[in-house]
Protein backbone atom coordinates (compact mmCIF):
# COMPACT_ATOMS: atom_id res chain seq x y z
CA MET A 1 -49.02 -160.96 90.40
CA ARG A 2 -48.10 -157.26 92.03
CA LYS A 3 -49.54 -156.07 88.27
CA ILE A 4 -53.09 -157.78 89.02
CA PHE A 5 -54.18 -157.15 92.48
CA PHE A 6 -51.96 -152.92 91.81
CA ILE A 7 -55.13 -153.04 88.09
CA LEU A 8 -57.75 -154.47 89.88
CA PHE A 9 -57.19 -151.96 93.23
CA LEU A 10 -57.02 -149.08 90.56
CA PHE A 11 -60.10 -151.08 88.97
CA ILE A 12 -61.76 -150.92 92.06
CA LEU A 13 -61.25 -147.56 93.52
CA GLY A 14 -61.80 -145.73 90.35
CA TYR A 15 -65.22 -147.58 90.16
CA CYS A 16 -66.24 -146.16 93.67
CA ASN A 17 -64.85 -142.86 92.55
CA THR A 18 -67.93 -142.82 90.49
CA ILE A 19 -70.44 -143.50 92.89
CA LYS A 20 -73.01 -140.74 94.56
CA ASP A 21 -73.91 -141.74 97.48
CA ARG A 22 -77.77 -140.94 97.54
CA ILE A 23 -79.58 -138.69 100.29
CA PRO A 24 -82.15 -140.19 101.75
CA THR A 25 -85.29 -137.16 100.14
CA GLY A 26 -88.38 -136.89 103.04
CA ILE A 27 -89.59 -135.34 106.47
CA GLU A 28 -87.24 -135.85 109.59
CA LYS A 29 -89.49 -134.73 112.53
CA TYR A 30 -88.04 -133.70 116.03
CA TYR A 31 -90.03 -133.26 119.21
CA GLN A 32 -88.18 -131.74 122.12
CA SER A 33 -89.06 -131.47 125.25
CA ASN A 34 -89.18 -128.51 125.87
CA GLY A 35 -91.90 -128.15 122.88
CA LYS A 36 -90.03 -127.05 119.83
CA ILE A 37 -90.42 -128.69 116.47
CA VAL A 38 -88.32 -129.21 114.30
CA LEU A 39 -88.96 -130.23 110.40
CA ILE A 40 -86.33 -131.13 108.01
CA ALA A 41 -87.02 -131.05 104.49
CA THR A 42 -85.10 -133.09 102.23
CA ALA A 43 -85.96 -133.22 98.21
CA LYS A 44 -83.74 -135.01 95.59
CA ALA A 45 -83.92 -132.39 91.97
CA SER A 46 -85.82 -132.53 88.70
CA LYS A 47 -84.13 -135.61 86.50
CA ASN A 48 -83.63 -132.82 83.85
CA ALA A 49 -81.38 -130.42 86.34
CA ILE A 50 -79.57 -133.37 86.51
CA GLU A 51 -78.60 -135.07 83.36
CA LYS A 52 -78.10 -130.93 82.17
CA ASN A 53 -75.50 -131.04 85.27
CA SER A 54 -76.77 -127.27 85.34
CA THR A 55 -75.67 -125.99 88.89
CA ALA A 56 -78.76 -123.00 89.25
CA MET A 57 -81.20 -125.77 87.55
CA MET A 58 -81.04 -128.65 90.97
CA GLN A 59 -80.72 -125.94 92.79
CA ALA A 60 -83.73 -124.06 92.36
CA THR A 61 -86.01 -127.68 91.54
CA SER A 62 -84.11 -129.53 94.55
CA LYS A 63 -85.34 -125.94 96.32
CA GLU A 64 -88.62 -126.18 94.93
CA ALA A 65 -89.55 -129.69 95.81
CA ALA A 66 -87.69 -129.74 99.58
CA THR A 67 -90.83 -126.51 100.26
CA LEU A 68 -92.74 -128.17 98.41
CA LEU A 69 -92.34 -131.58 101.49
CA LEU A 70 -92.60 -129.07 104.15
CA LYS A 71 -95.69 -127.27 103.24
CA ASN A 72 -97.39 -130.48 102.52
CA GLU A 73 -96.25 -130.95 106.34
CA LEU A 74 -97.58 -128.60 107.67
CA GLN A 75 -100.76 -129.32 105.97
CA LYS A 76 -101.37 -131.90 108.57
CA SER A 77 -103.89 -131.62 111.80
CA GLU A 78 -101.29 -131.95 114.29
CA TYR A 79 -99.97 -128.58 112.69
CA GLN A 80 -102.97 -126.53 112.35
CA ASN A 81 -102.56 -123.79 115.02
CA ILE A 82 -98.91 -123.22 114.97
CA LYS A 83 -98.50 -123.95 110.93
CA ASN A 84 -97.39 -120.16 110.87
CA LYS A 85 -95.00 -119.82 114.27
CA PHE A 86 -92.40 -121.88 111.69
CA LYS A 87 -90.02 -120.90 110.31
CA ILE A 88 -87.24 -121.45 107.97
CA THR A 89 -83.44 -121.63 110.27
CA TYR A 90 -81.26 -123.84 107.76
CA VAL A 91 -80.75 -123.79 103.46
CA GLU A 92 -78.95 -126.87 102.46
CA PHE A 93 -77.67 -127.15 99.02
CA ILE A 94 -75.39 -130.71 98.63
CA ASN A 95 -74.26 -132.26 95.49
CA ASN A 96 -73.81 -128.78 93.77
CA GLY A 97 -77.94 -128.50 94.44
CA GLU A 98 -78.79 -132.62 93.85
CA TYR A 99 -80.20 -132.46 97.31
CA CYS A 100 -81.35 -129.74 99.30
CA LYS A 101 -82.39 -129.62 102.83
CA ILE A 102 -84.75 -127.41 104.46
CA THR A 103 -84.95 -126.98 108.43
CA ALA A 104 -87.54 -124.84 110.10
CA GLU A 105 -88.32 -124.93 113.42
CA TYR A 106 -90.92 -124.16 116.10
CA ILE A 107 -90.06 -122.79 119.27
CA PRO A 108 -93.46 -122.66 121.25
């Protein structure tokens, strides 16, 4: 009986290690009391880059996608007068570049 549980445990453990965590993509907005605005754009690499398992391609396509998300967000009317004052302060690649997070900040 113990052998069956042990084999089942190993099977479940192996299965869990093969599942990658999905990371939510899109724009996160944070407004702070001092007038500071923080935008975080998260995007996923292209399907082709992921299938090829190419770190360079995944980083390039996920960063391009995150940049486009950020640019699109800044086209909204609420940022009309300040969109050119946002500065990119941080770029992070996750899972060898499968995802990219770009943080941009506006400080009045």
